[in-house]
Amino acid sequence: APQRSRHVVDVCLNGLAFSVPFNGQGELLRQLAQEAVDTHPDDHMFRFRLATAHHLCADHDAALSHVDAAVAMLARHRTFSNELILEQYLVKRDAIQEARLRAAREAEHEVRWRRQDAANAELERAMHRSSVRAVELVAVFTSAIAFAIGSLQVTLNGNLKLRERLWLLTGLGAGLAVFALIIVGGTWLITRRRSRR
C-alpha cells in the first residue's frame, strides 16, 4: 500500500517474524524488511527485523551485522522502553552467534564425514584389489607347484629319452601356464564387471 505508515509496516513485519513457520518465510521477511530499511534507514526496529530475516535464512554474518547496527541505533534513541528492547536485541544476537557457531561446527563435521567416506571407499577398493591379487597369486603358485611335481616325475622316470622328457615338460608347462592365465583372466574379467557396477 503506497500510503502505509511506519506503524503499519512495523506491525506487518512483526507479525511475519513471529508467525507460524512456513516455507519461504525468511526470504519474504528479508525482502520486506529490506524495503522498510531502505525507506527508514535510521529505524532500529526495521534493522532488527532485517537481522531476524537473515537469521531465518541462515545468513548469520549478515544477521549479526544488522543486529549490531540495530543495537547501535537504539543507543542513540532515548525512550522509556530502551532496556526491554535492548534485552530483546541482545537475546537475538546471542541466538545468531550460537547458530553461526553451530553452522561452522556442522560444516566442519561435514568435511570430516566426506573425508572419512572417501577414505573408506579407498580402503574398500584396496581390499578388493588385494583379494583379487591373492586369487591370482594362488593360481600362479598352484600352477608352479603342479609344474614342479609333474616335472619331477617326468625327470625321475628313467624310461624316457631326454627329447621326450623335454617335450613332456614343455607340454606340462604350457598347459599349466594356460591354466594360470585362464584363472587370472577370469578373475580380472569378473572384478572389472563388478567395479563398473
Protein backbone atom coordinates (compact mmCIF):
# COMPACT_ATOMS: atom_id res chain seq x y z
CA ALA A 1 0.00 0.00 0.00
CA PRO A 2 1.62 3.30 -1.07
CA GLN A 3 0.01 5.21 1.83
CA ARG A 4 1.14 2.81 4.53
CA SER A 5 2.55 4.33 7.67
CA ARG A 6 5.65 3.35 9.60
CA HIS A 7 3.46 1.73 12.26
CA VAL A 8 1.63 -0.40 9.69
CA VAL A 9 4.97 -1.64 8.32
CA ASP A 10 6.18 -2.38 11.84
CA VAL A 11 3.05 -4.40 12.71
CA CYS A 12 3.23 -6.34 9.43
CA LEU A 13 6.94 -7.18 9.83
CA ASN A 14 6.40 -8.14 13.46
CA GLY A 15 3.54 -10.45 12.50
CA LEU A 16 5.59 -12.02 9.74
CA ALA A 17 8.62 -12.50 12.02
CA PHE A 18 6.62 -14.25 14.75
CA SER A 19 4.09 -16.10 12.61
CA VAL A 20 3.83 -19.89 12.44
CA PRO A 21 6.84 -21.04 10.36
CA PHE A 22 6.16 -21.63 6.67
CA ASN A 23 8.21 -22.20 3.52
CA GLY A 24 9.83 -19.02 2.27
CA GLN A 25 9.19 -17.10 5.49
CA GLY A 26 12.79 -15.92 5.83
CA GLU A 27 13.06 -14.80 2.22
CA LEU A 28 9.75 -12.90 2.36
CA LEU A 29 10.67 -11.22 5.63
CA ARG A 30 14.11 -10.33 4.28
CA GLN A 31 12.63 -8.72 1.17
CA LEU A 32 10.02 -6.68 3.07
CA ALA A 33 12.39 -5.73 5.90
CA GLN A 34 14.96 -4.55 3.36
CA GLU A 35 12.28 -2.34 1.78
CA ALA A 36 11.48 -0.94 5.24
CA VAL A 37 15.18 -0.28 5.97
CA ASP A 38 15.58 1.44 2.60
CA THR A 39 12.60 3.65 3.41
CA HIS A 40 13.57 4.26 7.06
CA PRO A 41 17.37 3.82 7.26
CA ASP A 42 17.66 5.11 10.85
CA ASP A 43 14.93 2.89 12.32
CA HIS A 44 16.47 0.35 14.70
CA MET A 45 13.35 -1.82 14.76
CA PHE A 46 13.37 -2.35 10.98
CA ARG A 47 17.09 -3.10 11.14
CA PHE A 48 16.32 -5.68 13.83
CA ARG A 49 13.61 -7.25 11.64
CA LEU A 50 16.13 -7.48 8.81
CA ALA A 51 18.56 -9.22 11.18
CA THR A 52 15.78 -11.66 12.11
CA ALA A 53 15.12 -12.34 8.43
CA HIS A 54 18.79 -13.07 7.74
CA HIS A 55 18.83 -15.32 10.79
CA LEU A 56 15.85 -17.28 9.43
CA CYS A 57 17.70 -17.61 6.10
CA ALA A 58 20.82 -18.91 7.91
CA ASP A 59 22.84 -15.92 6.69
CA HIS A 60 24.48 -15.49 10.09
CA ASP A 61 27.13 -12.92 9.20
CA ALA A 62 24.59 -10.52 7.70
CA ALA A 63 22.22 -11.15 10.63
CA LEU A 64 24.95 -10.30 13.13
CA SER A 65 25.89 -7.16 11.24
CA HIS A 66 22.27 -5.91 11.18
CA VAL A 67 21.55 -6.71 14.82
CA ASP A 68 24.73 -4.85 15.85
CA ALA A 69 23.56 -1.91 13.76
CA ALA A 70 20.16 -2.06 15.48
CA VAL A 71 21.82 -2.03 18.92
CA ALA A 72 23.95 0.99 17.92
CA MET A 73 20.90 2.85 16.58
CA LEU A 74 18.93 2.06 19.73
CA ALA A 75 21.66 3.60 21.88
CA ARG A 76 21.13 6.92 20.05
CA HIS A 77 17.35 6.93 20.73
CA ARG A 78 16.29 7.53 24.32
CA THR A 79 12.89 6.04 25.16
CA PHE A 80 11.34 4.58 28.28
CA SER A 81 11.41 1.02 26.79
CA ASN A 82 15.04 1.05 25.68
CA GLU A 83 16.13 -1.55 28.22
CA LEU A 84 13.43 -4.02 27.21
CA ILE A 85 14.14 -3.57 23.52
CA LEU A 86 17.90 -3.81 24.10
CA GLU A 87 17.39 -7.05 26.00
CA GLN A 88 15.37 -8.41 23.07
CA TYR A 89 18.10 -7.40 20.62
CA LEU A 90 20.84 -8.97 22.74
CA VAL A 91 18.91 -12.22 23.05
CA LYS A 92 18.60 -12.33 19.26
CA ARG A 93 22.31 -11.51 18.94
CA ASP A 94 23.18 -14.45 21.19
CA ALA A 95 20.92 -16.74 19.16
CA ILE A 96 22.58 -15.60 15.92
CA GLN A 97 26.06 -16.19 17.33
CA GLU A 98 25.06 -19.62 18.60
CA ALA A 99 23.56 -20.51 15.20
CA ARG A 100 26.70 -19.29 13.44
CA LEU A 101 28.90 -21.40 15.71
CA ARG A 102 26.64 -24.43 15.20
CA ALA A 103 26.75 -23.96 11.42
CA ALA A 104 30.56 -23.76 11.49
CA ARG A 105 30.74 -26.97 13.53
CA GLU A 106 28.31 -28.73 11.22
CA ALA A 107 30.35 -27.65 8.19
CA GLU A 108 33.49 -28.96 9.87
CA HIS A 109 31.76 -32.27 10.65
CA GLU A 110 30.52 -32.47 7.06
CA VAL A 111 34.07 -32.07 5.77
CA ARG A 112 35.26 -34.77 8.16
CA TRP A 113 32.47 -37.13 7.09
CA ARG A 114 33.31 -36.60 3.41
CA ARG A 115 36.99 -37.30 4.08
CA GLN A 116 36.08 -40.41 6.07
CA ASP A 117 33.74 -41.62 3.32
CA ALA A 118 36.48 -41.12 0.73
CA ALA A 119 39.00 -42.95 2.94
CA ASN A 120 36.52 -45.82 3.48
CA ALA A 121 35.87 -46.08 -0.26
CA GLU A 122 39.61 -46.13 -0.98
CA LEU A 123 40.14 -48.79 1.69
CA GLU A 124 37.35 -50.89 0.18
CA ARG A 125 38.92 -50.60 -3.27
CA ALA A 126 42.34 -51.52 -1.89
CA MET A 127 40.94 -54.58 -0.09
CA HIS A 128 39.10 -55.62 -3.23
CA ARG A 129 42.29 -55.28 -5.30
CA SER A 130 44.32 -57.20 -2.73
CA SER A 131 41.81 -60.08 -2.65
CA VAL A 132 41.88 -60.25 -6.46
CA ARG A 133 45.70 -60.28 -6.41
CA ALA A 134 45.60 -63.04 -3.79
CA VAL A 135 43.43 -65.22 -6.06
CA GLU A 136 45.77 -64.57 -8.98
CA LEU A 137 48.82 -65.34 -6.83
CA VAL A 138 47.29 -68.61 -5.62
CA ALA A 139 46.57 -69.63 -9.23
CA VAL A 140 50.15 -68.90 -10.30
CA PHE A 141 51.65 -70.70 -7.28
CA THR A 142 49.36 -73.69 -7.78
CA SER A 143 50.48 -73.91 -11.40
CA ALA A 144 54.13 -73.60 -10.38
CA ILE A 145 53.82 -76.34 -7.75
CA ALA A 146 51.95 -78.61 -10.16
CA PHE A 147 54.64 -77.99 -12.77
CA ALA A 148 57.39 -78.76 -10.27
CA ILE A 149 55.73 -82.00 -9.15
CA GLY A 150 54.93 -83.03 -12.71
CA SER A 151 58.40 -82.24 -13.99
CA LEU A 152 59.95 -84.12 -11.09
CA GLN A 153 58.01 -87.26 -12.03
CA VAL A 154 58.99 -86.87 -15.68
CA THR A 155 62.68 -86.32 -14.94
CA LEU A 156 62.88 -89.14 -12.42
CA ASN A 157 61.29 -91.59 -14.81
CA GLY A 158 64.26 -93.27 -16.48
CA ASN A 159 62.34 -94.96 -19.31
CA LEU A 160 62.02 -91.79 -21.47
CA LYS A 161 64.66 -90.23 -23.61
CA LEU A 162 65.80 -86.66 -22.98
CA ARG A 163 63.99 -85.33 -26.01
CA GLU A 164 60.70 -86.96 -24.92
CA ARG A 165 61.15 -85.62 -21.40
CA LEU A 166 61.69 -82.08 -22.73
CA TRP A 167 58.52 -82.33 -24.83
CA LEU A 168 56.57 -83.59 -21.83
CA LEU A 169 57.92 -80.78 -19.64
CA THR A 170 57.13 -78.18 -22.33
CA GLY A 171 53.60 -79.53 -22.74
CA LEU A 172 53.04 -79.66 -19.00
CA GLY A 173 54.42 -76.14 -18.52
CA ALA A 174 52.33 -74.76 -21.37
CA GLY A 175 49.18 -76.43 -20.01
CA LEU A 176 49.75 -75.09 -16.53
CA ALA A 177 50.60 -71.63 -17.90
CA VAL A 178 47.33 -71.61 -19.84
CA PHE A 179 45.51 -72.73 -16.66
CA ALA A 180 47.07 -69.86 -14.69
CA LEU A 181 46.26 -67.36 -17.46
CA ILE A 182 42.64 -68.55 -17.56
CA ILE A 183 42.31 -68.11 -13.77
CA VAL A 184 43.98 -64.67 -13.80
CA GLY A 185 42.00 -63.53 -16.86
CA GLY A 186 38.70 -64.80 -15.45
CA THR A 187 39.36 -63.07 -12.14
CA TRP A 188 40.21 -59.83 -13.92
CA LEU A 189 37.07 -60.08 -16.09
CA ILE A 190 34.77 -60.74 -13.10
CA THR A 191 36.26 -57.95 -10.99
CA ARG A 192 36.15 -55.48 -13.89
CA ARG A 193 32.41 -56.09 -14.32
CA ARG A 194 31.82 -55.59 -10.58
CA SER A 195 33.85 -52.36 -10.47
CA ARG A 196 31.82 -50.97 -13.40
CA ARG A 197 28.61 -51.61 -11.45
